[in-house]
Every structure is written in C-alpha cells, then in structure tokens.
Amino acid sequence: MPLYVPPAPAPALRSVLAALGSPTAVREARTPALRSATGPLTPELPLPVYVLDRIMPSGGTPRTRLTGWRFLIHSGDRAVAAADTKLTADGWTFSHFFEGPYATATGTALRQAEAMETPFQPRLLSVPELYMLTLWLHGDTGADASASGTMPAPTDLLVPLAPAPPGIAARRPHRVSELLPVMTMRLSPPLLGSPA
C-alpha cells in the first residue's frame, strides 16, 4: 500500500534545493557521503518532524510541536544523507545536512511501511527525553501535516528508528497505545528498596 507522503511547504523545499546548489554548503557539510556523491542530488520523501514533549509521568498530557521538515537526499536510487529545515520568523529555511544511523533507518522504515496493507501518512516523531526518533505512521492520510499540536492517535503506529533506547525494539511497529506507556515507564524514577 503506498504511503501518502505530505507535500512539504514550498519555501522548505526551495531552501534545500538552494543549499544543494551551493558548492559552499555541500563542501562544508559534515557528510562525507554527500561531498563524494556523483551525479545530481535530489531531495525526496519530505517528512514533517514533530517533537513529543511532556511525556514525564507527572508531566501531564503529552503534546507535539512541529519543528521542521526533513528530506532524504538521494544520489541515483539511494539515500546518501538528509537535510533538515526549520521555521524562522522569515519562514522555512535550510538548517543543515547530516548522515548517519537515523538517516539510513528512516529510509529502511519507510520501505517497511510501504509493504503494510494499511495506508498511512508518514511523519517523524522525536522524543528528546529518551534520545529517540520514530517514524510516526498516522492513520489520517488526509491530515494537515503542518499542524502543530497534533497528537498521535492510539491506533497510529510508531516505528522506533535504530538505535533505539534500551528496552524498546527498533524497526518494529508499535501502536501508540502500547508504546506511550512504555516510554513513560522508561522515564519513571526507579523505586528504591526499603532501608535495611
């Protein structure tokens, strides 16, 4: 079943294309694969990046906020890096290029999601308290991907990207209703034994 990849804001795409077209931006990027790529580099598969805040056990209801758009940068038929954009007072602008495990894991998780029978709108969900990034498979394929404050529905799927925190299986789809309590528990302080 195809994924319904949301369109990125036009200024975000333009800023990434401008950075890719700038020899200085590419040369100064700390991404050896990007600097050594041959042929044209193209930004593909734009994903909105959300941050999940306040998942602490006593922190109240979690909230999400849109922090940027991420593009996988392809050279030919493979992703060699990623580019992030951020929202500023002047609109969407290029932030930085990067490569590494999360860029690779995003591509792997997207291919895995394409093989599922249910249609989804893919997003990225960062959980800073756990140093965790997930592919968020949102069940409402027509939803506005640029809307901050959207919470994952209990039936949405989260696919933790590798490397995942200890005790949370990477590359395995989890329902939000199952994974959110596990994440909350991971942030709970350990219970101490009674004094001797």
Protein backbone atom coordinates (compact mmCIF):
# COMPACT_ATOMS: atom_id res chain seq x y z
CA MET A 1 0.00 0.00 0.00
CA PRO A 2 1.54 3.35 -0.92
CA LEU A 3 2.35 5.87 1.76
CA TYR A 4 0.67 9.26 1.48
CA VAL A 5 3.74 11.47 1.82
CA PRO A 6 2.55 15.00 2.62
CA PRO A 7 3.80 17.86 0.46
CA ALA A 8 6.43 19.98 2.17
CA PRO A 9 5.96 23.74 2.32
CA ALA A 10 7.35 25.19 -0.93
CA PRO A 11 9.83 27.51 0.89
CA ALA A 12 11.28 24.50 2.77
CA LEU A 13 11.89 22.64 -0.48
CA ARG A 14 13.34 25.74 -2.16
CA SER A 15 15.75 26.26 0.74
CA VAL A 16 17.04 22.66 0.47
CA LEU A 17 17.38 22.95 -3.31
CA ALA A 18 19.33 26.20 -2.86
CA ALA A 19 21.64 24.53 -0.33
CA LEU A 20 22.20 21.57 -2.66
CA GLY A 21 23.01 24.02 -5.45
CA SER A 22 25.56 25.83 -3.30
CA PRO A 23 29.04 24.31 -3.58
CA THR A 24 29.95 26.00 -0.29
CA ALA A 25 27.02 24.48 1.63
CA VAL A 26 27.72 20.99 0.29
CA ARG A 27 31.51 21.24 0.71
CA GLU A 28 31.20 22.48 4.31
CA ALA A 29 28.62 19.87 5.24
CA ARG A 30 29.90 17.27 7.68
CA THR A 31 28.60 14.50 5.46
CA PRO A 32 31.33 12.66 3.54
CA ALA A 33 28.74 10.72 1.51
CA LEU A 34 27.17 13.98 0.32
CA ARG A 35 30.52 15.51 -0.63
CA SER A 36 31.63 12.38 -2.53
CA ALA A 37 28.31 11.67 -4.29
CA THR A 38 28.47 11.64 -8.08
CA GLY A 39 25.63 12.85 -10.22
CA PRO A 40 22.68 15.00 -9.24
CA LEU A 41 21.47 15.17 -5.65
CA THR A 42 17.70 15.33 -5.17
CA PRO A 43 15.63 15.95 -2.04
CA GLU A 44 12.91 13.32 -1.74
CA LEU A 45 10.34 12.00 0.75
CA PRO A 46 9.73 15.15 2.80
CA LEU A 47 8.64 14.30 6.32
CA PRO A 48 7.38 16.72 8.95
CA VAL A 49 9.41 16.44 12.15
CA TYR A 50 7.46 16.66 15.39
CA VAL A 51 8.78 16.71 18.94
CA LEU A 52 6.82 14.93 21.67
CA ASP A 53 7.04 16.96 24.87
CA ARG A 54 5.93 16.30 28.40
CA ILE A 55 5.79 12.52 28.50
CA MET A 56 7.14 12.53 32.05
CA PRO A 57 4.85 10.50 34.36
CA SER A 58 3.81 13.61 36.30
CA GLY A 59 4.14 15.99 33.35
CA GLY A 60 0.50 15.99 32.26
CA THR A 61 -0.77 15.34 28.78
CA PRO A 62 1.96 14.96 26.15
CA ARG A 63 2.00 17.49 23.35
CA THR A 64 3.59 17.62 19.94
CA ARG A 65 5.05 20.58 18.12
CA LEU A 66 6.20 20.79 14.53
CA THR A 67 9.89 21.70 14.47
CA GLY A 68 10.89 21.17 10.85
CA TRP A 69 10.80 19.16 7.65
CA ARG A 70 13.35 16.51 6.78
CA PHE A 71 14.23 15.47 3.23
CA LEU A 72 16.18 12.36 2.30
CA ILE A 73 18.86 13.36 -0.19
CA HIS A 74 19.18 10.83 -2.99
CA SER A 75 22.04 10.25 -5.38
CA GLY A 76 20.61 7.98 -8.02
CA ASP A 77 18.35 5.45 -6.34
CA ARG A 78 19.82 5.56 -2.83
CA ALA A 79 19.68 7.99 0.06
CA VAL A 80 23.13 9.35 0.92
CA ALA A 81 22.17 11.99 3.50
CA ALA A 82 19.31 14.05 4.87
CA ALA A 83 18.55 17.75 5.03
CA ASP A 84 16.61 19.49 7.78
CA THR A 85 14.71 22.74 7.54
CA LYS A 86 13.39 24.87 10.37
CA LEU A 87 10.74 27.52 10.81
CA THR A 88 12.07 31.02 11.48
CA ALA A 89 10.41 34.42 11.67
CA ASP A 90 11.04 34.69 7.91
CA GLY A 91 9.51 31.29 7.12
CA TRP A 92 11.00 27.88 6.36
CA THR A 93 14.78 27.88 5.89
CA PHE A 94 17.50 25.29 5.40
CA SER A 95 19.09 24.16 8.67
CA HIS A 96 21.74 21.50 7.96
CA PHE A 97 22.76 18.33 6.13
CA PHE A 98 23.58 15.15 8.02
CA GLU A 99 24.12 11.44 7.58
CA GLY A 100 24.28 8.58 10.00
CA PRO A 101 22.10 5.90 11.52
CA TYR A 102 18.86 7.90 11.68
CA ALA A 103 19.03 8.92 8.01
CA THR A 104 19.60 5.29 6.98
CA ALA A 105 17.00 3.96 9.44
CA THR A 106 14.38 6.40 8.12
CA GLY A 107 14.73 5.02 4.61
CA THR A 108 14.55 1.44 5.90
CA ALA A 109 11.44 2.18 7.99
CA LEU A 110 9.72 3.89 5.03
CA ARG A 111 10.34 0.84 2.81
CA GLN A 112 8.96 -1.39 5.57
CA ALA A 113 5.85 0.81 5.92
CA GLU A 114 5.20 0.70 2.16
CA ALA A 115 4.79 -3.08 2.46
CA MET A 116 1.97 -2.75 5.01
CA GLU A 117 -1.62 -3.19 3.92
CA THR A 118 -2.95 -0.10 5.72
CA PRO A 119 -2.40 3.35 4.18
CA PHE A 120 -0.57 5.85 6.38
CA GLN A 121 0.77 9.38 6.31
CA PRO A 122 4.44 9.18 7.40
CA ARG A 123 5.91 11.68 9.84
CA LEU A 124 8.87 11.72 12.20
CA LEU A 125 8.37 11.97 15.95
CA SER A 126 11.30 12.85 18.20
CA VAL A 127 11.24 12.02 21.91
CA PRO A 128 14.12 14.09 23.35
CA GLU A 129 13.80 12.73 26.89
CA LEU A 130 14.66 9.26 25.58
CA TYR A 131 17.06 10.31 22.79
CA MET A 132 14.62 8.52 20.49
CA LEU A 133 13.38 9.11 16.95
CA THR A 134 10.43 7.23 15.47
CA LEU A 135 8.67 7.00 12.15
CA TRP A 136 5.11 8.04 13.01
CA LEU A 137 2.58 6.33 10.74
CA HIS A 138 -0.52 8.49 11.04
CA GLY A 139 -3.81 6.82 10.09
CA ASP A 140 -5.46 10.01 8.77
CA THR A 141 -3.82 10.20 5.35
CA GLY A 142 -5.54 13.49 4.52
CA ALA A 143 -4.49 15.31 7.70
CA ASP A 144 -2.63 18.62 7.55
CA ALA A 145 0.94 17.54 8.25
CA SER A 146 1.96 21.10 9.13
CA ALA A 147 -0.43 21.40 12.08
CA SER A 148 1.35 21.67 15.42
CA GLY A 149 -0.30 20.14 18.44
CA THR A 150 -1.50 17.05 16.57
CA MET A 151 -1.20 14.06 18.86
CA PRO A 152 -0.66 10.54 17.59
CA ALA A 153 -3.94 8.62 17.68
CA PRO A 154 -3.94 5.49 19.88
CA THR A 155 -4.15 3.34 16.73
CA ASP A 156 -1.33 5.14 14.89
CA LEU A 157 1.92 3.23 14.62
CA LEU A 158 5.36 4.30 15.85
CA VAL A 159 8.42 2.58 14.43
CA PRO A 160 11.46 3.35 16.63
CA LEU A 161 14.47 4.05 14.44
CA ALA A 162 17.76 2.34 15.22
CA PRO A 163 19.46 2.98 17.51
CA ALA A 164 16.52 2.85 19.91
CA PRO A 165 16.73 3.19 23.69
CA PRO A 166 17.35 0.00 25.69
CA GLY A 167 14.16 -1.97 26.20
CA ILE A 168 12.41 -0.57 23.11
CA ALA A 169 12.57 -2.68 19.95
CA ALA A 170 13.85 -0.78 16.93
CA ARG A 171 12.35 -1.32 13.46
CA ARG A 172 9.22 -2.88 14.96
CA PRO A 173 5.86 -1.11 14.54
CA HIS A 174 4.15 -0.41 17.86
CA ARG A 175 0.66 1.01 18.39
CA VAL A 176 0.83 4.37 20.16
CA SER A 177 -1.48 3.00 22.87
CA GLU A 178 1.14 0.30 23.59
CA LEU A 179 4.37 2.27 23.20
CA LEU A 180 3.47 5.52 25.00
CA PRO A 181 3.08 3.76 28.39
CA VAL A 182 6.44 2.01 27.85
CA MET A 183 8.12 5.34 27.09
CA THR A 184 6.52 6.90 30.17
CA MET A 185 7.69 3.99 32.32
CA ARG A 186 11.24 4.36 30.97
CA LEU A 187 11.24 7.92 32.33
CA SER A 188 9.91 6.99 35.77
CA PRO A 189 12.49 7.13 38.53
CA PRO A 190 13.45 3.66 39.82
CA LEU A 191 11.84 2.55 43.04
CA LEU A 192 14.33 2.23 45.83
CA GLY A 193 14.21 -0.67 48.28
CA SER A 194 13.24 -0.06 51.87
CA PRO A 195 16.08 0.83 54.23
CA ALA A 196 17.77 -2.09 55.98
